[in-house]
Protein backbone atom coordinates (compact mmCIF):
# COMPACT_ATOMS: atom_id res chain seq x y z
CA MET A 1 147.17 108.33 102.94
CA PRO A 2 147.10 105.18 100.79
CA LYS A 3 147.14 101.83 102.47
CA THR A 4 150.40 99.96 102.21
CA ARG A 5 150.85 96.26 102.57
CA PRO A 6 153.78 94.63 104.33
CA ALA A 7 156.77 93.92 102.11
CA TYR A 8 156.93 90.54 100.44
CA PRO A 9 159.48 88.22 102.08
CA PRO A 10 162.78 87.91 100.17
CA GLU A 11 162.23 84.15 99.71
CA TYR A 12 158.88 84.82 98.03
CA ARG A 13 160.43 87.40 95.69
CA ASP A 14 163.26 84.99 94.85
CA GLN A 15 160.77 82.25 93.96
CA ILE A 16 158.79 84.59 91.70
CA ILE A 17 162.02 85.76 90.01
CA ALA A 18 163.10 82.15 89.46
CA LEU A 19 159.73 81.34 87.88
CA ALA A 20 160.01 84.38 85.60
CA ARG A 21 163.54 83.42 84.57
CA SER A 22 162.37 79.88 83.80
CA GLY A 23 160.14 81.29 81.09
CA ARG A 24 156.83 81.96 82.81
CA GLY A 25 155.15 85.14 81.61
CA LEU A 26 154.98 88.09 83.95
CA GLU A 27 151.26 88.53 83.36
CA ASP A 28 150.69 84.84 84.15
CA LEU A 29 152.68 85.14 87.36
CA ALA A 30 150.80 88.31 88.30
CA ALA A 31 147.47 86.55 87.75
CA GLU A 32 148.51 83.48 89.73
CA PHE A 33 150.29 85.28 92.56
CA GLU A 34 149.55 88.61 94.23
CA PRO A 35 152.20 91.06 92.96
CA SER A 36 151.55 92.98 89.75
CA ALA A 37 153.55 92.40 86.59
CA GLN A 38 155.28 95.76 87.09
CA THR A 39 156.30 94.76 90.62
CA ILE A 40 157.76 91.51 89.29
CA ARG A 41 159.63 93.47 86.57
CA THR A 42 161.08 95.71 89.29
CA TRP A 43 162.17 92.67 91.33
CA ILE A 44 163.88 91.13 88.28
CA LYS A 45 165.70 94.38 87.50
CA GLN A 46 166.85 94.74 91.12
CA ALA A 47 168.06 91.12 91.13
CA LYS A 48 170.14 91.86 88.03
CA ILE A 49 171.60 94.95 89.71
CA ASP A 50 172.38 93.00 92.89
CA SER A 51 174.13 90.26 90.89
CA GLY A 52 176.19 92.80 88.93
CA GLN A 53 174.60 92.05 85.55
CA ILE A 54 173.55 95.69 85.09
CA GLU A 55 174.60 98.99 86.65
CA GLY A 56 172.61 100.51 89.48
CA THR A 57 172.27 100.91 93.23
CA THR A 58 172.27 97.55 94.99
CA SER A 59 169.75 96.61 97.65
CA ASP A 60 172.47 96.74 100.30
CA ASP A 61 173.45 100.25 99.23
CA LYS A 62 169.80 101.36 99.26
CA ALA A 63 169.34 99.96 102.77
CA GLU A 64 172.51 101.68 103.99
CA LEU A 65 171.44 104.97 102.42
CA ALA A 66 168.02 104.77 104.09
CA ARG A 67 169.67 104.01 107.45
CA LEU A 68 172.05 106.95 107.09
CA ARG A 69 169.21 109.30 106.14
CA ARG A 70 167.24 108.24 109.23
CA GLU A 71 170.32 108.73 111.40
CA ASN A 72 170.98 112.12 109.82
CA ALA A 73 167.40 113.25 110.49
CA GLN A 74 167.66 112.12 114.11
CA LEU A 75 170.96 113.94 114.61
CA ARG A 76 169.53 117.13 113.09
CA GLU A 77 166.55 116.92 115.44
CA GLU A 78 168.84 116.40 118.45
CA ARG A 79 171.02 119.32 117.37
CA GLU A 80 167.96 121.56 117.06
CA ILE A 81 166.77 120.56 120.55
CA LEU A 82 170.20 121.32 122.01
CA ARG A 83 170.34 124.65 120.18
CA LYS A 84 166.97 125.67 121.63
CA ALA A 85 167.96 124.47 125.12
CA THR A 86 171.20 126.45 124.96
CA ALA A 87 169.30 129.60 123.97
CA PHE A 88 166.78 129.00 126.76
CA PHE A 89 169.38 128.54 129.53
CA ALA A 90 171.78 131.23 128.32
């Protein structure tokens, strides 16, 4: 399994996005800071989606969807446990 690094803090991403919007090149920012140019491009695109400039799924919607999927998986697991327990005690 590949190693993953902790997510960049939102303030850090916002600063990088502001620098990119001020005219700094993505490759320059990638060389100076840690994230790759593609990561910075993704952050800029997501910021545009969140601000309503372009269509797409907002960060809030993505977070809610992830939460609901986790909850759904937990409920399915609980249902399966109860189903097996019912069959065992019946």
